[in-house]
Amino acid sequence: MHVDLKRIAEKVLAEERITFDEGVLLYEKGDLNYLGVLANYIREKKHGHYTYFNRNFHIEPTNVCVYDCKFCSYSRMIKQREEGWEMDVDGMMDIVKKYDNEPVTEVHITGGVVPKQNLDFYAEFFKRCKAHRPDLHIKGLTPVEYYYIFKKAKLSHYDGLKYLKECGLDSMPGGGAEIFHPEIREQIAHDKCTAEQWLDIHEQAHKLGMHTNATMLYGHIEQFWHRVDHMERLRQLQDKTGGFQTFIPLKFRNKDNQMAHVPEVSVIEDLRNYAIARIYMDNFPHIKAYWAMISRDTAQLSLAYGVNDIDGTLDDTTKIYSMAGAEEQNPAMTTQELVELIRHVGRHPIERDTLYNVITDYKDVIFEEDKAKKYYALPVVN
């Protein structure tokens, strides 16, 4: 074995942090088995066999967008508005009400950026949503939306988030991070918020006591060191605030977008990336994979490569990945299917809420024979 890889393994066992250069070395020289052993060691030390999922549903208020991200197959530029949708607050509340008798714990809101879905629009929705169902956790919008909304409202990131928190916002998903380094960000998402703005909005959310997630879009035109640079910036902010819960590597999918000529990376590279993320992101509690994006089989495999959360959705409420060519074109799984998917690889299924409190421990649950009764609204995106 490469002498430096041996040194990294020793550091992992001693719970010492690996350096930037060692992170790059893992990508360049680490084979799948070696990375899997280290990542699984860390995963089991932190979580044992626990594998989490939660019941949420998605609202995507619009797929029209003022931005022009090259990798996006989902949004329609303002000029292509005829292919798009834009909801009003009543339309969003109609979706919330659809789940009135379902045991969901979270609504996840993300989509495009349009001028009329402004500060007042989301303030009204958050207030009405909380008034209708106070126990429903609102995980809403990314720094891409907030940067635009707060700039327009002439509010600082802190004051804007403080106001929306008072209206009912509970936490923030991890989207819009893509790749932080300007060399890549300029090419794939030149007009959306910068890395510094993205990180600052999360930092202000953490100061307000909110928990947030973080993502990384990998497997396109970036180099390995760009991925490490991205994780390093997140790791540093987490050292400062401790407010991140989950890191979610997102695989670039090349269908129907402006980067369709860029080939997708292999499943081996997906698993290597999850493992390296688990090794590098030592101060992030959880690493998540989305089964609807990478396939059920790869999601099962990922549970041996550092991943301890796979989310899950039952009712096809997200279009962001299916429109980019994900394996699951109509993502839906019953609770029973999701639990069995986790059990089949020897892991312990736990339904959680957004803050990782245990709602139901499915280790020994025996399901009724009648699967038709078991359709519940579950999750999918960051």
Protein backbone atom coordinates (compact mmCIF):
# COMPACT_ATOMS: atom_id res chain seq x y z
CA MET A 1 0.00 0.00 0.00
CA HIS A 2 1.09 3.58 -0.73
CA VAL A 3 2.86 4.81 2.41
CA ASP A 4 0.69 7.94 2.66
CA LEU A 5 -2.52 5.90 2.36
CA LYS A 6 -1.31 3.82 5.31
CA ARG A 7 -0.74 7.03 7.24
CA ILE A 8 -4.30 8.20 6.44
CA ALA A 9 -5.70 4.88 7.72
CA GLU A 10 -3.73 5.35 10.96
CA LYS A 11 -5.14 8.86 11.31
CA VAL A 12 -8.71 7.60 10.83
CA LEU A 13 -8.22 4.96 13.52
CA ALA A 14 -6.75 7.60 15.85
CA GLU A 15 -9.64 9.98 15.03
CA GLU A 16 -7.22 12.58 13.68
CA ARG A 17 -8.30 14.98 10.95
CA ILE A 18 -6.92 14.42 7.46
CA THR A 19 -5.45 17.34 5.52
CA PHE A 20 -6.45 18.90 2.20
CA ASP A 21 -3.57 17.14 0.39
CA GLU A 22 -4.53 13.81 1.96
CA GLY A 23 -8.09 14.35 0.74
CA VAL A 24 -6.79 14.80 -2.81
CA LEU A 25 -4.60 11.72 -2.41
CA LEU A 26 -7.65 9.62 -1.45
CA TYR A 27 -9.29 10.58 -4.75
CA GLU A 28 -6.14 9.96 -6.78
CA LYS A 29 -4.89 6.75 -5.16
CA GLY A 30 -7.57 5.29 -2.89
CA ASP A 31 -9.16 2.13 -4.24
CA LEU A 32 -12.77 1.29 -3.50
CA ASN A 33 -12.14 -1.44 -0.91
CA TYR A 34 -9.65 0.64 1.09
CA LEU A 35 -11.97 3.67 1.10
CA GLY A 36 -14.98 1.52 1.98
CA VAL A 37 -13.28 -0.02 5.00
CA LEU A 38 -12.28 3.38 6.39
CA ALA A 39 -15.62 5.05 5.67
CA ASN A 40 -17.62 2.16 7.11
CA TYR A 41 -15.44 2.18 10.24
CA ILE A 42 -16.31 5.87 10.77
CA ARG A 43 -19.98 5.31 9.92
CA GLU A 44 -20.34 2.47 12.42
CA LYS A 45 -18.42 4.33 15.09
CA LYS A 46 -20.82 7.28 14.76
CA HIS A 47 -24.10 5.46 14.09
CA GLY A 48 -23.69 1.69 14.38
CA HIS A 49 -26.09 0.12 11.88
CA TYR A 50 -28.70 2.88 12.19
CA THR A 51 -29.90 4.03 8.77
CA TYR A 52 -32.30 6.96 8.71
CA PHE A 53 -35.20 8.04 6.53
CA ASN A 54 -37.97 10.55 7.07
CA ARG A 55 -41.45 11.16 5.79
CA ASN A 56 -41.61 14.40 3.90
CA PHE A 57 -43.18 15.81 0.79
CA HIS A 58 -41.95 18.43 -1.61
CA ILE A 59 -43.38 21.65 -2.86
CA GLU A 60 -41.62 23.12 -5.88
CA PRO A 61 -43.25 26.57 -6.14
CA THR A 62 -41.87 27.27 -9.63
CA ASN A 63 -39.55 25.86 -12.28
CA VAL A 64 -39.18 29.27 -13.91
CA CYS A 65 -35.88 30.88 -12.99
CA VAL A 66 -33.91 34.06 -13.53
CA TYR A 67 -30.69 32.02 -13.40
CA ASP A 68 -29.13 29.92 -16.14
CA CYS A 69 -27.26 27.01 -14.54
CA LYS A 70 -25.70 24.81 -17.20
CA PHE A 71 -26.35 21.52 -15.35
CA CYS A 72 -30.04 22.19 -14.63
CA SER A 73 -32.63 20.14 -16.53
CA TYR A 74 -35.43 21.32 -14.30
CA SER A 75 -35.88 25.07 -14.50
CA ARG A 76 -37.18 27.06 -17.44
CA MET A 77 -35.71 30.49 -18.04
CA ILE A 78 -38.18 33.37 -17.93
CA LYS A 79 -38.06 33.36 -21.74
CA GLN A 80 -39.31 29.72 -21.79
CA ARG A 81 -42.10 30.44 -19.37
CA GLU A 82 -44.67 28.53 -21.41
CA GLU A 83 -42.98 25.27 -20.29
CA GLY A 84 -43.02 26.32 -16.66
CA TRP A 85 -45.27 26.60 -13.63
CA GLU A 86 -45.55 29.27 -10.94
CA MET A 87 -47.70 28.59 -7.89
CA ASP A 88 -49.44 31.10 -5.68
CA VAL A 89 -49.69 30.72 -1.89
CA ASP A 90 -53.14 29.11 -2.17
CA GLY A 91 -51.73 26.51 -4.57
CA MET A 92 -48.92 25.69 -2.16
CA MET A 93 -51.38 25.41 0.75
CA ASP A 94 -53.50 23.02 -1.34
CA ILE A 95 -50.49 20.67 -1.48
CA VAL A 96 -49.96 20.96 2.30
CA LYS A 97 -53.64 20.13 2.91
CA LYS A 98 -53.36 16.99 0.75
CA TYR A 99 -51.27 15.51 3.59
CA ASP A 100 -53.60 16.42 6.46
CA ASN A 101 -54.26 12.80 7.38
CA GLU A 102 -50.79 11.49 6.55
CA PRO A 103 -48.03 10.95 9.12
CA VAL A 104 -45.55 13.30 7.41
CA THR A 105 -43.18 15.36 9.54
CA GLU A 106 -41.58 17.76 7.04
CA VAL A 107 -42.37 19.89 4.03
CA HIS A 108 -39.37 20.55 1.79
CA ILE A 109 -39.59 23.64 -0.40
CA THR A 110 -37.21 24.42 -3.24
CA GLY A 111 -37.43 25.46 -6.87
CA GLY A 112 -36.59 28.28 -9.23
CA VAL A 113 -36.15 31.99 -8.52
CA VAL A 114 -38.75 34.45 -9.82
CA PRO A 115 -39.34 38.08 -8.81
CA LYS A 116 -42.92 37.72 -7.60
CA GLN A 117 -42.10 34.89 -5.17
CA ASN A 118 -40.51 37.42 -2.86
CA LEU A 119 -40.08 37.98 0.90
CA ASP A 120 -43.79 38.71 1.46
CA PHE A 121 -44.82 35.68 -0.61
CA TYR A 122 -42.79 33.24 1.50
CA ALA A 123 -43.60 35.02 4.78
CA GLU A 124 -47.30 34.54 4.04
CA PHE A 125 -46.86 30.89 3.07
CA PHE A 126 -44.76 30.04 6.16
CA LYS A 127 -47.31 31.72 8.46
CA ARG A 128 -50.29 30.00 6.85
CA CYS A 129 -48.54 26.62 6.81
CA LYS A 130 -47.72 26.86 10.55
CA ALA A 131 -51.24 28.06 11.39
CA HIS A 132 -52.69 25.09 9.49
CA ARG A 133 -50.32 22.43 10.84
CA PRO A 134 -48.04 23.70 13.64
CA ASP A 135 -46.14 20.40 14.00
CA LEU A 136 -45.03 20.27 10.35
CA HIS A 137 -41.35 21.17 10.06
CA ILE A 138 -40.70 23.71 7.29
CA LYS A 139 -37.39 23.08 5.55
CA GLY A 140 -37.40 25.82 3.00
CA LEU A 141 -35.35 27.38 0.20
CA THR A 142 -31.62 27.54 -0.40
CA PRO A 143 -29.16 30.47 -0.33
CA VAL A 144 -29.76 30.86 -4.08
CA GLU A 145 -33.35 31.90 -3.38
CA TYR A 146 -32.56 33.76 -0.15
CA TYR A 147 -29.73 35.81 -1.65
CA TYR A 148 -32.07 37.05 -4.38
CA ILE A 149 -35.03 37.62 -2.03
CA PHE A 150 -33.07 39.49 0.66
CA LYS A 151 -31.20 41.64 -1.84
CA LYS A 152 -34.51 42.69 -3.36
CA ALA A 153 -35.99 43.38 0.08
CA LYS A 154 -32.84 45.34 1.08
CA LEU A 155 -32.31 43.15 4.14
CA SER A 156 -29.13 41.61 5.51
CA HIS A 157 -28.91 37.82 5.41
CA TYR A 158 -29.31 37.71 9.19
CA ASP A 159 -32.31 40.03 9.36
CA GLY A 160 -34.03 38.33 6.45
CA LEU A 161 -33.66 34.88 7.98
CA LYS A 162 -34.65 36.15 11.43
CA TYR A 163 -37.90 37.53 9.98
CA LEU A 164 -38.71 34.32 8.08
CA LYS A 165 -37.89 32.22 11.14
CA GLU A 166 -40.45 34.29 13.06
CA CYS A 167 -42.93 33.51 10.25
CA GLY A 168 -42.39 29.76 10.66
CA LEU A 169 -39.23 28.71 8.79
CA ASP A 170 -37.51 25.90 10.74
CA SER A 171 -34.45 24.89 8.72
CA MET A 172 -32.70 25.11 5.37
CA PRO A 173 -31.86 22.38 2.84
CA GLY A 174 -28.40 22.14 1.30
CA GLY A 175 -28.98 22.95 -2.36
CA GLY A 176 -27.30 25.55 -4.55
CA ALA A 177 -23.79 24.76 -3.32
CA GLU A 178 -22.74 23.00 -6.58
CA ILE A 179 -18.93 23.45 -6.59
CA PHE A 180 -17.66 26.43 -4.59
CA HIS A 181 -14.39 27.11 -6.37
CA PRO A 182 -14.87 30.08 -8.75
CA GLU A 183 -12.93 28.34 -11.53
CA ILE A 184 -15.80 25.82 -11.85
CA ARG A 185 -18.67 27.85 -10.43
CA GLU A 186 -18.16 30.52 -13.10
CA GLN A 187 -18.56 27.91 -15.84
CA ILE A 188 -21.59 26.03 -14.53
CA ALA A 189 -23.53 28.60 -12.47
CA HIS A 190 -22.02 31.99 -13.20
CA ASP A 191 -24.99 34.13 -12.22
CA LYS A 192 -26.13 32.59 -8.92
CA CYS A 193 -24.82 33.46 -5.46
CA THR A 194 -21.09 33.04 -4.83
CA ALA A 195 -19.56 30.47 -2.50
CA GLU A 196 -19.00 33.20 0.08
CA GLN A 197 -22.64 34.31 -0.07
CA TRP A 198 -23.87 30.71 0.16
CA LEU A 199 -21.70 30.03 3.20
CA ASP A 200 -22.66 33.31 4.88
CA ILE A 201 -26.39 32.59 4.59
CA HIS A 202 -25.85 29.20 6.27
CA GLU A 203 -23.70 30.83 8.94
CA GLN A 204 -26.45 33.37 9.72
CA ALA A 205 -29.03 30.55 9.89
CA HIS A 206 -26.78 28.71 12.36
CA LYS A 207 -26.47 31.89 14.47
CA LEU A 208 -30.28 31.93 14.65
CA GLY A 209 -30.27 28.36 15.97
CA MET A 210 -31.38 26.72 12.73
CA HIS A 211 -29.90 23.47 11.48
CA THR A 212 -29.04 23.19 7.80
CA ASN A 213 -27.68 20.72 5.25
CA ALA A 214 -24.99 21.04 2.59
CA THR A 215 -24.57 19.51 -0.87
CA MET A 216 -21.87 19.13 -3.53
CA LEU A 217 -22.59 18.53 -7.21
CA TYR A 218 -19.85 16.17 -8.39
CA GLY A 219 -18.93 14.26 -11.52
CA HIS A 220 -18.91 16.89 -14.27
CA ILE A 221 -16.05 19.26 -15.22
CA GLU A 222 -14.46 19.62 -11.79
CA GLN A 223 -11.09 18.12 -10.76
CA PHE A 224 -10.68 16.06 -7.60
CA TRP A 225 -9.05 18.98 -5.78
CA HIS A 226 -12.12 21.13 -6.47
CA ARG A 227 -14.20 18.61 -4.54
CA VAL A 228 -11.77 18.70 -1.63
CA ASP A 229 -11.73 22.51 -1.70
CA HIS A 230 -15.54 22.44 -1.51
CA MET A 231 -15.57 20.05 1.46
CA GLU A 232 -12.80 22.02 3.17
CA ARG A 233 -14.87 25.24 3.11
CA LEU A 234 -17.82 23.40 4.62
CA ARG A 235 -15.65 21.71 7.24
CA GLN A 236 -14.23 25.08 8.30
CA LEU A 237 -17.68 26.65 8.67
CA GLN A 238 -18.86 23.62 10.64
CA ASP A 239 -15.87 24.02 13.00
CA LYS A 240 -17.07 27.58 13.60
CA THR A 241 -20.83 27.03 13.99
CA GLY A 242 -21.67 23.33 14.37
CA GLY A 243 -24.95 24.03 12.58
CA PHE A 244 -24.75 21.56 9.69
CA GLN A 245 -26.45 18.19 10.11
CA THR A 246 -25.97 16.36 6.85
CA PHE A 247 -23.67 16.38 3.83
CA ILE A 248 -25.27 15.21 0.59
CA PRO A 249 -23.10 14.50 -2.47
CA LEU A 250 -25.28 14.95 -5.56
CA LYS A 251 -24.38 13.15 -8.77
CA PHE A 252 -24.39 15.21 -11.97
CA ARG A 253 -26.98 13.83 -14.39
CA ASN A 254 -26.64 14.84 -18.04
CA LYS A 255 -30.10 14.50 -19.58
CA ASP A 256 -31.70 17.52 -21.28
CA ASN A 257 -29.35 20.19 -19.99
CA GLN A 258 -26.57 22.37 -21.39
CA MET A 259 -23.93 19.90 -20.18
CA ALA A 260 -25.40 16.87 -21.93
CA HIS A 261 -22.03 16.31 -23.66
CA VAL A 262 -20.32 15.64 -20.30
CA PRO A 263 -20.36 11.91 -19.49
CA GLU A 264 -21.64 10.78 -16.10
CA VAL A 265 -19.27 9.09 -13.65
CA SER A 266 -19.53 5.40 -12.76
CA VAL A 267 -21.14 3.78 -9.74
CA ILE A 268 -17.61 2.98 -8.51
CA GLU A 269 -16.85 6.71 -8.53
CA ASP A 270 -20.14 7.41 -6.72
CA LEU A 271 -19.19 5.01 -3.94
CA ARG A 272 -15.63 6.32 -3.74
CA ASN A 273 -17.00 9.84 -3.44
CA TYR A 274 -19.39 8.93 -0.59
CA ALA A 275 -16.55 7.19 1.22
CA ILE A 276 -14.13 10.11 0.86
CA ALA A 277 -16.85 12.52 1.99
CA ARG A 278 -17.36 10.43 5.13
CA ILE A 279 -13.61 10.38 5.83
CA TYR A 280 -13.04 14.08 5.12
CA MET A 281 -16.18 15.57 6.71
CA ASP A 282 -15.25 14.45 10.20
CA ASN A 283 -17.39 17.12 11.90
CA PHE A 284 -20.60 16.41 9.94
CA PRO A 285 -22.84 13.95 11.80
CA HIS A 286 -24.56 12.46 8.74
CA ILE A 287 -23.84 11.58 5.10
CA LYS A 288 -26.91 11.16 2.91
CA ALA A 289 -27.53 9.49 -0.45
CA TYR A 290 -30.77 9.93 -2.41
CA TRP A 291 -31.99 6.57 -3.64
CA ALA A 292 -34.29 8.25 -6.18
CA MET A 293 -31.31 9.89 -7.83
CA ILE A 294 -28.71 7.10 -7.85
CA SER A 295 -31.01 3.99 -7.92
CA ARG A 296 -32.11 1.67 -5.12
CA ASP A 297 -29.21 -0.74 -5.67
CA THR A 298 -26.53 1.95 -5.46
CA ALA A 299 -28.24 3.40 -2.38
CA GLN A 300 -28.00 -0.01 -0.71
CA LEU A 301 -24.32 -0.27 -1.62
CA SER A 302 -23.66 3.25 -0.34
CA LEU A 303 -24.62 2.12 3.18
CA ALA A 304 -21.29 0.26 3.28
CA TYR A 305 -19.38 3.35 2.08
CA GLY A 306 -20.11 5.87 4.82
CA VAL A 307 -23.75 6.73 4.11
CA ASN A 308 -26.23 6.49 7.01
CA ASP A 309 -29.31 8.29 5.61
CA ILE A 310 -31.15 7.59 2.36
CA ASP A 311 -34.29 9.73 2.61
CA GLY A 312 -37.22 8.27 0.69
CA THR A 313 -40.27 9.40 -1.22
CA LEU A 314 -43.56 7.76 -1.83
CA ASP A 315 -45.52 10.01 -3.99
CA ASP A 316 -43.41 11.58 -6.71
CA THR A 317 -43.44 15.16 -5.42
CA THR A 318 -40.08 16.12 -6.90
CA LYS A 319 -39.11 16.67 -10.51
CA ILE A 320 -35.58 18.02 -10.01
CA TYR A 321 -33.79 14.69 -10.59
CA SER A 322 -36.23 12.86 -12.84
CA MET A 323 -35.97 15.68 -15.38
CA ALA A 324 -32.18 15.27 -15.39
CA GLY A 325 -32.32 11.56 -16.16
CA ALA A 326 -32.24 9.89 -12.74
CA GLU A 327 -32.97 6.15 -12.65
CA GLU A 328 -36.26 6.72 -10.82
CA GLN A 329 -38.55 8.63 -13.16
CA ASN A 330 -41.51 8.44 -10.77
CA PRO A 331 -39.86 8.13 -7.38
CA ALA A 332 -42.14 6.21 -5.01
CA MET A 333 -41.53 3.62 -2.31
CA THR A 334 -43.80 2.33 0.43
CA THR A 335 -42.52 2.46 3.99
CA GLN A 336 -42.28 -1.33 3.87
CA GLU A 337 -40.15 -1.29 0.70
CA LEU A 338 -37.83 1.33 2.17
CA VAL A 339 -37.44 -0.55 5.44
CA GLU A 340 -36.76 -3.81 3.59
CA LEU A 341 -34.22 -2.11 1.32
CA ILE A 342 -32.28 -1.11 4.46
CA ARG A 343 -32.75 -4.48 6.21
CA HIS A 344 -31.56 -6.45 3.16
CA VAL A 345 -28.04 -5.10 3.62
CA GLY A 346 -27.98 -5.79 7.34
CA ARG A 347 -28.72 -2.27 8.53
CA HIS A 348 -31.17 -0.99 11.14
CA PRO A 349 -33.99 1.22 9.72
CA ILE A 350 -34.97 4.28 11.75
CA GLU A 351 -37.65 6.78 10.80
CA ARG A 352 -36.44 10.18 11.99
CA ASP A 353 -37.72 13.71 12.09
CA THR A 354 -35.80 16.58 10.44
CA LEU A 355 -33.53 16.97 13.48
CA TYR A 356 -32.75 13.24 13.67
CA ASN A 357 -34.97 12.44 16.63
CA VAL A 358 -36.21 8.84 16.38
CA ILE A 359 -39.89 8.60 15.44
CA THR A 360 -40.16 4.86 14.76
CA ASP A 361 -37.56 2.14 15.18
CA TYR A 362 -38.32 -0.40 12.44
CA LYS A 363 -35.77 -3.02 13.52
CA ASP A 364 -38.37 -5.64 14.53
CA VAL A 365 -41.55 -4.27 12.96
CA ILE A 366 -43.52 -6.91 11.07
CA PHE A 367 -45.67 -5.44 8.30
CA GLU A 368 -49.21 -6.51 7.54
CA GLU A 369 -49.63 -8.58 4.40
CA ASP A 370 -51.82 -5.93 2.80
CA LYS A 371 -49.27 -3.60 1.22
CA ALA A 372 -51.99 -1.36 -0.22
CA LYS A 373 -52.58 0.11 3.23
CA LYS A 374 -48.96 1.03 3.62
CA TYR A 375 -48.59 3.92 1.23
CA TYR A 376 -47.39 6.94 3.10
CA ALA A 377 -45.99 10.20 1.89
CA LEU A 378 -42.21 10.07 2.18
CA PRO A 379 -39.13 12.16 0.97
CA VAL A 380 -36.58 13.04 -1.83
CA VAL A 381 -34.35 16.15 -2.13
CA ASN A 382 -31.67 17.94 -0.08
